[in-house]
N, C-alpha and C. Protein backbone atom coordinates (compact mmCIF):
# COMPACT_ATOMS: atom_id res chain seq x y z
N UNK A 1 129.99 77.36 99.94
CA UNK A 1 129.05 77.87 98.97
C UNK A 1 127.97 78.74 99.59
N UNK A 2 127.90 78.77 100.89
CA UNK A 2 126.87 79.56 101.54
C UNK A 2 126.94 81.02 101.09
N UNK A 3 128.15 81.59 101.05
CA UNK A 3 128.30 82.99 100.65
C UNK A 3 127.81 83.23 99.23
N UNK A 4 128.08 82.30 98.32
CA UNK A 4 127.63 82.44 96.95
C UNK A 4 126.12 82.44 96.84
N UNK A 5 125.47 81.55 97.59
CA UNK A 5 124.00 81.49 97.58
C UNK A 5 123.41 82.77 98.14
N UNK A 6 123.99 83.25 99.23
CA UNK A 6 123.47 84.45 99.89
C UNK A 6 123.59 85.66 98.97
N UNK A 7 124.73 85.82 98.28
CA UNK A 7 124.87 86.98 97.40
C UNK A 7 123.94 86.87 96.19
N UNK A 8 123.71 85.64 95.70
CA UNK A 8 122.77 85.45 94.60
C UNK A 8 121.37 85.83 95.04
N UNK A 9 121.00 85.44 96.25
CA UNK A 9 119.68 85.76 96.80
C UNK A 9 119.51 87.28 96.91
N UNK A 10 120.55 87.96 97.39
CA UNK A 10 120.48 89.42 97.50
C UNK A 10 120.31 90.07 96.13
N UNK A 11 121.00 89.56 95.13
CA UNK A 11 120.89 90.11 93.78
C UNK A 11 119.47 89.95 93.24
N UNK A 12 118.83 88.81 93.53
CA UNK A 12 117.45 88.60 93.09
C UNK A 12 116.53 89.59 93.77
N UNK A 13 116.72 89.81 95.07
CA UNK A 13 115.90 90.78 95.80
C UNK A 13 116.13 92.18 95.24
N UNK A 14 117.42 92.55 95.02
CA UNK A 14 117.72 93.88 94.46
C UNK A 14 117.09 94.05 93.09
N UNK A 15 117.16 93.01 92.28
CA UNK A 15 116.59 93.06 90.93
C UNK A 15 115.08 93.26 91.01
N UNK A 16 114.44 92.57 91.92
CA UNK A 16 112.99 92.69 92.08
C UNK A 16 112.62 94.11 92.53
N UNK A 17 113.36 94.66 93.48
CA UNK A 17 113.10 96.02 93.96
C UNK A 17 113.35 97.03 92.84
N UNK A 18 114.41 96.84 92.08
CA UNK A 18 114.72 97.72 90.97
C UNK A 18 113.59 97.69 89.93
N UNK A 19 113.10 96.50 89.62
CA UNK A 19 112.02 96.38 88.64
C UNK A 19 110.76 97.08 89.12
N UNK A 20 110.44 96.97 90.40
CA UNK A 20 109.28 97.67 90.95
C UNK A 20 109.48 99.18 90.88
N UNK A 21 110.70 99.63 91.21
CA UNK A 21 111.02 101.05 91.16
C UNK A 21 110.86 101.58 89.74
N UNK A 22 111.45 100.86 88.77
CA UNK A 22 111.34 101.27 87.37
C UNK A 22 109.89 101.27 86.90
N UNK A 23 109.11 100.28 87.34
CA UNK A 23 107.70 100.24 86.98
C UNK A 23 106.94 101.44 87.52
N UNK A 24 107.29 101.85 88.75
CA UNK A 24 106.67 103.03 89.35
C UNK A 24 107.04 104.29 88.59
N UNK A 25 108.30 104.42 88.21
CA UNK A 25 108.75 105.58 87.43
C UNK A 25 108.02 105.63 86.09
N UNK A 26 107.86 104.47 85.45
CA UNK A 26 107.15 104.41 84.17
C UNK A 26 105.69 104.84 84.34
N UNK A 27 105.05 104.39 85.40
CA UNK A 27 103.65 104.75 85.66
C UNK A 27 103.50 106.25 85.89
N UNK A 28 104.40 106.83 86.67
CA UNK A 28 104.36 108.27 86.93
C UNK A 28 104.60 109.04 85.63
N UNK A 29 105.59 108.63 84.86
CA UNK A 29 105.86 109.25 83.56
C UNK A 29 104.61 109.26 82.70
N UNK A 30 103.96 108.12 82.58
CA UNK A 30 102.76 108.02 81.75
C UNK A 30 101.67 108.95 82.24
N UNK A 31 101.48 109.05 83.54
CA UNK A 31 100.44 109.94 84.08
C UNK A 31 100.77 111.40 83.81
N UNK A 32 102.02 111.79 84.00
CA UNK A 32 102.41 113.17 83.71
C UNK A 32 102.19 113.51 82.24
N UNK A 33 102.65 112.66 81.35
CA UNK A 33 102.54 112.93 79.91
C UNK A 33 101.08 112.87 79.46
N UNK A 34 100.32 111.90 79.95
CA UNK A 34 98.89 111.83 79.60
C UNK A 34 98.16 113.08 80.05
N UNK A 35 98.49 113.59 81.24
CA UNK A 35 97.85 114.82 81.74
C UNK A 35 98.17 116.01 80.85
N UNK A 36 99.43 116.13 80.47
CA UNK A 36 99.83 117.23 79.58
C UNK A 36 99.11 117.13 78.24
N UNK A 37 99.09 115.94 77.67
CA UNK A 37 98.41 115.76 76.38
C UNK A 37 96.91 116.07 76.48
N UNK A 38 96.27 115.62 77.54
CA UNK A 38 94.83 115.87 77.69
C UNK A 38 94.55 117.36 77.84
N UNK A 39 95.35 118.03 78.66
CA UNK A 39 95.17 119.48 78.84
C UNK A 39 95.34 120.22 77.52
N UNK A 40 96.42 119.92 76.81
CA UNK A 40 96.67 120.62 75.54
C UNK A 40 95.62 120.28 74.49
N UNK A 41 95.19 119.02 74.46
CA UNK A 41 94.14 118.63 73.50
C UNK A 41 92.84 119.38 73.80
N UNK A 42 92.53 119.53 75.07
CA UNK A 42 91.32 120.28 75.44
C UNK A 42 91.45 121.74 75.04
N UNK A 43 92.63 122.31 75.26
CA UNK A 43 92.84 123.73 74.94
C UNK A 43 92.77 124.02 73.46
N UNK A 44 93.12 123.06 72.61
CA UNK A 44 93.05 123.32 71.16
C UNK A 44 91.74 122.80 70.58
N UNK A 45 90.78 122.45 71.45
CA UNK A 45 89.44 122.08 71.00
C UNK A 45 89.26 120.65 70.55
N UNK A 46 90.16 119.75 70.93
CA UNK A 46 90.06 118.35 70.49
C UNK A 46 89.35 117.46 71.50
N UNK A 47 88.91 118.03 72.61
CA UNK A 47 88.25 117.22 73.64
C UNK A 47 86.86 117.73 73.97
N UNK A 48 86.19 118.25 72.98
CA UNK A 48 84.80 118.65 73.15
C UNK A 48 84.57 119.59 74.32
N UNK A 49 83.72 119.15 75.24
CA UNK A 49 83.29 120.00 76.34
C UNK A 49 84.28 120.06 77.49
N UNK A 50 85.39 119.35 77.40
CA UNK A 50 86.34 119.32 78.51
C UNK A 50 86.88 120.71 78.83
N UNK A 51 87.21 121.50 77.83
CA UNK A 51 87.74 122.83 78.10
C UNK A 51 86.71 123.68 78.83
N UNK A 52 85.45 123.52 78.51
CA UNK A 52 84.40 124.29 79.18
C UNK A 52 84.31 123.95 80.66
N UNK A 53 84.71 122.74 81.02
CA UNK A 53 84.67 122.32 82.42
C UNK A 53 85.87 122.81 83.22
N UNK A 54 86.90 123.30 82.53
CA UNK A 54 88.09 123.81 83.22
C UNK A 54 87.78 125.14 83.88
N UNK A 55 88.48 125.38 84.99
CA UNK A 55 88.32 126.68 85.64
C UNK A 55 88.89 127.78 84.75
N UNK A 56 88.45 128.98 84.96
CA UNK A 56 88.85 130.11 84.13
C UNK A 56 90.37 130.29 84.05
N UNK A 57 91.12 130.18 85.17
CA UNK A 57 92.57 130.34 85.07
C UNK A 57 93.23 129.31 84.14
N UNK A 58 92.74 128.09 84.11
CA UNK A 58 93.29 127.07 83.21
C UNK A 58 92.98 127.39 81.75
N UNK A 59 91.80 127.96 81.52
CA UNK A 59 91.45 128.31 80.14
C UNK A 59 92.17 129.56 79.67
N UNK A 60 92.60 130.42 80.60
CA UNK A 60 93.23 131.69 80.25
C UNK A 60 94.73 131.57 79.99
N UNK A 61 95.32 130.44 80.30
CA UNK A 61 96.77 130.27 80.13
C UNK A 61 97.14 130.37 78.65
N UNK A 62 98.17 131.16 78.37
CA UNK A 62 98.72 131.23 77.01
C UNK A 62 99.62 130.01 76.85
N UNK A 63 99.11 128.97 76.19
CA UNK A 63 99.86 127.71 76.12
C UNK A 63 101.12 127.83 75.28
N UNK A 64 101.24 128.88 74.51
CA UNK A 64 102.46 129.07 73.72
C UNK A 64 103.64 129.55 74.54
N UNK A 65 103.36 130.22 75.65
CA UNK A 65 104.44 130.75 76.48
C UNK A 65 104.44 130.20 77.90
N UNK A 66 103.47 129.37 78.23
CA UNK A 66 103.34 128.85 79.60
C UNK A 66 104.51 127.96 79.97
N UNK A 67 104.85 127.97 81.23
CA UNK A 67 105.88 127.06 81.76
C UNK A 67 105.14 125.91 82.45
N UNK A 68 105.27 124.72 81.91
CA UNK A 68 104.60 123.55 82.46
C UNK A 68 105.53 122.84 83.43
N UNK A 69 105.02 122.50 84.61
CA UNK A 69 105.79 121.78 85.62
C UNK A 69 104.94 120.62 86.13
N UNK A 70 105.50 119.42 86.05
CA UNK A 70 104.85 118.23 86.61
C UNK A 70 105.46 117.99 87.98
N UNK A 71 104.61 117.91 89.01
CA UNK A 71 105.10 117.78 90.39
C UNK A 71 104.55 116.52 91.02
N UNK A 72 105.45 115.72 91.57
CA UNK A 72 105.09 114.52 92.32
C UNK A 72 105.35 114.81 93.79
N UNK A 73 104.33 114.63 94.63
CA UNK A 73 104.48 114.83 96.07
C UNK A 73 104.54 113.46 96.74
N UNK A 74 105.61 113.23 97.49
CA UNK A 74 105.80 111.96 98.19
C UNK A 74 105.36 112.12 99.65
N UNK A 75 104.50 111.22 100.09
CA UNK A 75 104.05 111.24 101.47
C UNK A 75 104.72 110.13 102.28
N UNK A 76 105.71 109.50 101.71
CA UNK A 76 106.46 108.45 102.40
C UNK A 76 107.94 108.84 102.40
N UNK A 77 108.69 108.25 103.28
CA UNK A 77 110.11 108.59 103.42
C UNK A 77 110.95 107.89 102.37
N UNK A 78 110.91 108.37 101.15
CA UNK A 78 111.72 107.85 100.06
C UNK A 78 112.77 108.89 99.71
N UNK A 79 113.76 108.47 98.98
CA UNK A 79 114.81 109.37 98.53
C UNK A 79 114.29 110.26 97.40
N UNK A 80 113.98 111.49 97.72
CA UNK A 80 113.44 112.43 96.74
C UNK A 80 114.41 112.61 95.58
N UNK A 81 115.69 112.77 95.86
CA UNK A 81 116.69 113.03 94.81
C UNK A 81 116.77 111.84 93.86
N UNK A 82 116.77 110.62 94.40
CA UNK A 82 116.85 109.43 93.55
C UNK A 82 115.65 109.33 92.62
N UNK A 83 114.48 109.61 93.14
CA UNK A 83 113.26 109.55 92.34
C UNK A 83 113.24 110.69 91.33
N UNK A 84 113.66 111.88 91.75
CA UNK A 84 113.74 113.04 90.84
C UNK A 84 114.65 112.71 89.66
N UNK A 85 115.83 112.17 89.94
CA UNK A 85 116.78 111.84 88.88
C UNK A 85 116.23 110.80 87.92
N UNK A 86 115.62 109.75 88.47
CA UNK A 86 115.07 108.68 87.62
C UNK A 86 113.92 109.20 86.76
N UNK A 87 113.08 110.04 87.34
CA UNK A 87 111.93 110.58 86.60
C UNK A 87 112.39 111.55 85.51
N UNK A 88 113.36 112.40 85.81
CA UNK A 88 113.90 113.30 84.79
C UNK A 88 114.48 112.50 83.63
N UNK A 89 115.24 111.47 83.96
CA UNK A 89 115.86 110.65 82.92
C UNK A 89 114.80 109.98 82.05
N UNK A 90 113.75 109.43 82.68
CA UNK A 90 112.70 108.75 81.93
C UNK A 90 111.89 109.72 81.08
N UNK A 91 111.70 110.93 81.55
CA UNK A 91 110.85 111.90 80.86
C UNK A 91 111.60 112.75 79.85
N UNK A 92 112.92 112.64 79.80
CA UNK A 92 113.74 113.54 78.99
C UNK A 92 113.27 113.64 77.53
N UNK A 93 113.02 112.53 76.87
CA UNK A 93 112.58 112.58 75.46
C UNK A 93 111.26 113.32 75.32
N UNK A 94 110.32 113.04 76.19
CA UNK A 94 109.01 113.71 76.13
C UNK A 94 109.17 115.20 76.40
N UNK A 95 109.99 115.55 77.38
CA UNK A 95 110.21 116.96 77.70
C UNK A 95 110.82 117.70 76.51
N UNK A 96 111.80 117.08 75.89
CA UNK A 96 112.45 117.71 74.73
C UNK A 96 111.46 117.90 73.58
N UNK A 97 110.60 116.92 73.38
CA UNK A 97 109.61 117.03 72.30
C UNK A 97 108.70 118.24 72.50
N UNK A 98 108.42 118.59 73.75
CA UNK A 98 107.57 119.73 74.05
C UNK A 98 108.37 121.01 74.32
N UNK A 99 109.68 120.94 74.19
CA UNK A 99 110.52 122.12 74.44
C UNK A 99 110.60 122.48 75.91
N UNK A 100 110.51 121.47 76.77
CA UNK A 100 110.56 121.69 78.22
C UNK A 100 111.90 121.22 78.77
N UNK A 101 112.35 121.82 79.86
CA UNK A 101 113.63 121.44 80.46
C UNK A 101 113.42 120.40 81.56
N UNK A 102 114.52 119.81 82.02
CA UNK A 102 114.44 118.86 83.12
C UNK A 102 113.83 119.50 84.36
N UNK A 103 113.99 120.80 84.52
CA UNK A 103 113.43 121.47 85.70
C UNK A 103 111.91 121.52 85.66
N UNK A 104 111.31 121.02 84.59
CA UNK A 104 109.84 120.93 84.50
C UNK A 104 109.31 119.74 85.28
N UNK A 105 110.20 118.95 85.86
CA UNK A 105 109.81 117.80 86.67
C UNK A 105 110.28 118.06 88.10
N UNK A 106 109.36 118.03 89.04
CA UNK A 106 109.68 118.27 90.44
C UNK A 106 109.18 117.09 91.28
N UNK A 107 110.00 116.68 92.21
CA UNK A 107 109.61 115.68 93.20
C UNK A 107 109.83 116.32 94.56
N UNK A 108 108.77 116.40 95.35
CA UNK A 108 108.84 117.04 96.65
C UNK A 108 108.34 116.10 97.73
N UNK A 109 108.88 116.23 98.93
CA UNK A 109 108.27 115.54 100.06
C UNK A 109 107.12 116.41 100.57
N UNK A 110 106.42 115.94 101.55
CA UNK A 110 105.23 116.65 102.02
C UNK A 110 105.55 118.05 102.52
N UNK A 111 106.64 118.21 103.27
CA UNK A 111 106.97 119.54 103.79
C UNK A 111 107.36 120.49 102.65
N UNK A 112 108.05 119.98 101.63
CA UNK A 112 108.39 120.81 100.48
C UNK A 112 107.14 121.25 99.72
N UNK A 113 106.19 120.34 99.59
CA UNK A 113 104.93 120.68 98.92
C UNK A 113 104.16 121.72 99.72
N UNK A 114 104.21 121.61 101.03
CA UNK A 114 103.53 122.56 101.88
C UNK A 114 104.18 123.96 101.73
N UNK A 115 105.51 124.00 101.67
CA UNK A 115 106.22 125.28 101.51
C UNK A 115 105.84 125.96 100.19
N UNK A 116 105.57 125.17 99.16
CA UNK A 116 105.20 125.72 97.85
C UNK A 116 103.69 125.94 97.72
N UNK A 117 102.94 125.69 98.78
CA UNK A 117 101.49 125.90 98.76
C UNK A 117 100.72 124.87 97.97
N UNK A 118 101.31 123.68 97.77
CA UNK A 118 100.63 122.63 96.99
C UNK A 118 99.72 121.77 97.83
N UNK A 119 99.99 121.68 99.13
CA UNK A 119 99.14 120.93 100.06
C UNK A 119 98.90 121.79 101.29
N UNK A 120 97.80 121.55 101.96
CA UNK A 120 97.47 122.32 103.16
C UNK A 120 98.08 121.71 104.39
């Protein structure tokens, strides 16, 4: 029975890691969507003085034609592709509601973010 106990133990550990991973994806999804909603609400005048606090380039964006991209930068050695896929899948309904494609979600490691000028 030792083998049965060991495989059950591994399944519990895998399940726990999966639940943490899914919880992280959910948290990132919520932050991306909340940020988009707050920005758009400010731009249409629903957030009082918030739009006035935005820099001029953010206020000048034509929100009707703008391409919105949510980018997550990873500073740890995680599987970028695995996280990208999970985040795209989780965000798909929200992206469709806003007329955005899966390519509106980017997950980059630190060197990728540096190449795109997102970090110094």
